Each structure stands twice: as structure tokens, then as C-alpha cells.
Amino acid sequence: MGKPIYVELDINAPIEDVWETTQNPKLHERWDLRFSQIDYLPKDHEDDVQTFQYETRIGFGLRIHASVNRSAVQQKTVERKYPL
């Protein structure tokens, strides 16, 4: 497996606002232009950590999907999907 991706960004805002904006997919899509669409994935149990589905359209009908668990400890693998 390749090296993990690490992203760091300085944001001048209260931490509560940053958390809400990054955890709400529709708000996150508005400011993070790396992603075309962000959706919640279903949880098996209410107390499970929320997992998100990210999609980026890269042109020519190509899209890349990634499912990410927002826990600081766990991340899921990236699944690439090519022309539909």
C-alpha cells in the first residue's frame, strides 16, 4: 500500500464552526472544491463513527470514489471507478 495522504490547512474560524462545516456533507461540498459530492454512508449502529463517501469528477466521464471513516485512527481504502 502506498503512503497515506496528509492534508493540513489553516482556517481562521472557531473550531465549532469548522467541525460543523466538515461534518455536514452539503456544507463541506460548498467550500472544499476537491470533491464534487459528499454523502453520509449508512451506520450499522447509532454509536458507530460516521463514514463518508467522497466523489471527484476528473473529466472525460471519469470519477474517483473514496469512503473515509472520520475517526482519527481509522481510514478506509480508496476505490477507483472509471467510466460509467
C-alpha atoms as a PDB file:
ATOM      1  CA  MET A   1       0.000   0.000   0.000  1.00  0.00           C
ATOM      2  CA  GLY A   2       1.239   3.499  -0.832  1.00  0.00           C
ATOM      3  CA  LYS A   3       1.958   6.345   1.530  1.00  0.00           C
ATOM      4  CA  PRO A   4      -1.114   7.864   3.221  1.00  0.00           C
ATOM      5  CA  ILE A   5      -2.298  11.300   2.141  1.00  0.00           C
ATOM      6  CA  TYR A   6      -1.933  14.023   4.768  1.00  0.00           C
ATOM      7  CA  VAL A   7      -3.729  17.336   4.290  1.00  0.00           C
ATOM      8  CA  GLU A   8      -3.211  20.376   6.516  1.00  0.00           C
ATOM      9  CA  LEU A   9      -4.931  23.725   6.206  1.00  0.00           C
ATOM     10  CA  ASP A  10      -5.023  26.808   8.442  1.00  0.00           C
ATOM     11  CA  ILE A  11      -8.586  28.114   8.893  1.00  0.00           C
ATOM     12  CA  ASN A  12      -9.370  31.353  10.708  1.00  0.00           C
ATOM     13  CA  ALA A  13     -12.659  30.334  12.401  1.00  0.00           C
ATOM     14  CA  PRO A  14     -13.936  28.930  15.702  1.00  0.00           C
ATOM     15  CA  ILE A  15     -13.323  25.170  15.985  1.00  0.00           C
ATOM     16  CA  GLU A  16     -17.065  24.504  16.440  1.00  0.00           C
ATOM     17  CA  ASP A  17     -17.825  26.142  13.076  1.00  0.00           C
ATOM     18  CA  VAL A  18     -15.031  24.217  11.361  1.00  0.00           C
ATOM     19  CA  TRP A  19     -16.260  20.933  12.840  1.00  0.00           C
ATOM     20  CA  GLU A  20     -19.872  21.546  11.731  1.00  0.00           C
ATOM     21  CA  THR A  21     -18.779  22.555   8.235  1.00  0.00           C
ATOM     22  CA  THR A  22     -16.578  19.488   7.773  1.00  0.00           C
ATOM     23  CA  GLN A  23     -19.089  17.024   9.234  1.00  0.00           C
ATOM     24  CA  ASN A  24     -22.118  18.207   7.258  1.00  0.00           C
ATOM     25  CA  PRO A  25     -21.671  16.907   3.670  1.00  0.00           C
ATOM     26  CA  LYS A  26     -23.703  19.650   1.978  1.00  0.00           C
ATOM     27  CA  LEU A  27     -21.750  22.407   3.772  1.00  0.00           C
ATOM     28  CA  HIS A  28     -18.445  20.613   3.115  1.00  0.00           C
ATOM     29  CA  GLU A  29     -19.147  20.420  -0.649  1.00  0.00           C
ATOM     30  CA  ARG A  30     -19.579  24.212  -0.791  1.00  0.00           C
ATOM     31  CA  TRP A  31     -16.056  25.085   0.366  1.00  0.00           C
ATOM     32  CA  ASP A  32     -13.912  22.034  -0.398  1.00  0.00           C
ATOM     33  CA  LEU A  33     -13.688  22.103  -4.179  1.00  0.00           C
ATOM     34  CA  ARG A  34     -11.656  18.889  -4.299  1.00  0.00           C
ATOM     35  CA  PHE A  35     -14.924  16.960  -4.082  1.00  0.00           C
ATOM     36  CA  SER A  36     -17.911  17.011  -6.439  1.00  0.00           C
ATOM     37  CA  GLN A  37     -20.163  15.171  -3.998  1.00  0.00           C
ATOM     38  CA  ILE A  38     -20.004  14.066  -0.344  1.00  0.00           C
ATOM     39  CA  ASP A  39     -22.563  11.733   1.240  1.00  0.00           C
ATOM     40  CA  TYR A  40     -23.081  10.000   4.576  1.00  0.00           C
ATOM     41  CA  LEU A  41     -22.776   6.207   4.399  1.00  0.00           C
ATOM     42  CA  PRO A  42     -25.192   4.137   6.493  1.00  0.00           C
ATOM     43  CA  LYS A  43     -24.170   3.143  10.023  1.00  0.00           C
ATOM     44  CA  ASP A  44     -24.860  -0.308  11.456  1.00  0.00           C
ATOM     45  CA  HIS A  45     -25.323   1.171  14.944  1.00  0.00           C
ATOM     46  CA  GLU A  46     -26.137   4.703  16.100  1.00  0.00           C
ATOM     47  CA  ASP A  47     -22.898   4.949  18.118  1.00  0.00           C
ATOM     48  CA  ASP A  48     -20.653   3.926  15.179  1.00  0.00           C
ATOM     49  CA  VAL A  49     -18.277   6.531  13.768  1.00  0.00           C
ATOM     50  CA  GLN A  50     -19.755   8.235  10.703  1.00  0.00           C
ATOM     51  CA  THR A  51     -18.275   7.223   7.360  1.00  0.00           C
ATOM     52  CA  PHE A  52     -18.450   9.440   4.288  1.00  0.00           C
ATOM     53  CA  GLN A  53     -18.437   8.724   0.544  1.00  0.00           C
ATOM     54  CA  TYR A  54     -16.411  11.284  -1.424  1.00  0.00           C
ATOM     55  CA  GLU A  55     -16.570  11.687  -5.197  1.00  0.00           C
ATOM     56  CA  THR A  56     -14.384  13.720  -7.520  1.00  0.00           C
ATOM     57  CA  ARG A  57     -15.136  14.089 -11.210  1.00  0.00           C
ATOM     58  CA  ILE A  58     -11.902  14.397 -13.147  1.00  0.00           C
ATOM     59  CA  GLY A  59     -13.299  14.837 -16.655  1.00  0.00           C
ATOM     60  CA  PHE A  60     -13.890  12.608 -19.686  1.00  0.00           C
ATOM     61  CA  GLY A  61     -16.605  10.756 -17.717  1.00  0.00           C
ATOM     62  CA  LEU A  62     -14.118   9.610 -15.065  1.00  0.00           C
ATOM     63  CA  ARG A  63     -14.936   9.708 -11.365  1.00  0.00           C
ATOM     64  CA  ILE A  64     -12.974   8.695  -8.285  1.00  0.00           C
ATOM     65  CA  HIS A  65     -14.817   7.499  -5.170  1.00  0.00           C
ATOM     66  CA  ALA A  66     -13.370   7.187  -1.677  1.00  0.00           C
ATOM     67  CA  SER A  67     -15.031   6.070   1.553  1.00  0.00           C
ATOM     68  CA  VAL A  68     -13.470   7.617   4.639  1.00  0.00           C
ATOM     69  CA  ASN A  69     -14.126   6.986   8.304  1.00  0.00           C
ATOM     70  CA  ARG A  70     -13.713  10.339  10.096  1.00  0.00           C
ATOM     71  CA  SER A  71     -12.093   8.704  13.106  1.00  0.00           C
ATOM     72  CA  ALA A  72      -8.538   9.987  13.627  1.00  0.00           C
ATOM     73  CA  VAL A  73      -7.390   6.380  13.870  1.00  0.00           C
ATOM     74  CA  GLN A  74      -9.194   4.577  11.011  1.00  0.00           C
ATOM     75  CA  GLN A  75      -9.336   5.187   7.300  1.00  0.00           C
ATOM     76  CA  LYS A  76     -10.849   3.012   4.610  1.00  0.00           C
ATOM     77  CA  THR A  77      -9.308   2.282   1.258  1.00  0.00           C
ATOM     78  CA  VAL A  78      -9.881   4.300  -1.878  1.00  0.00           C
ATOM     79  CA  GLU A  79     -11.962   2.659  -4.566  1.00  0.00           C
ATOM     80  CA  ARG A  80     -11.460   3.972  -8.085  1.00  0.00           C
ATOM     81  CA  LYS A  81     -14.327   3.740 -10.542  1.00  0.00           C
ATOM     82  CA  TYR A  82     -13.796   4.569 -14.187  1.00  0.00           C
ATOM     83  CA  PRO A  83     -16.287   5.487 -16.932  1.00  0.00           C
ATOM     84  CA  LEU A  84     -19.840   4.570 -16.084  1.00  0.00           C
END
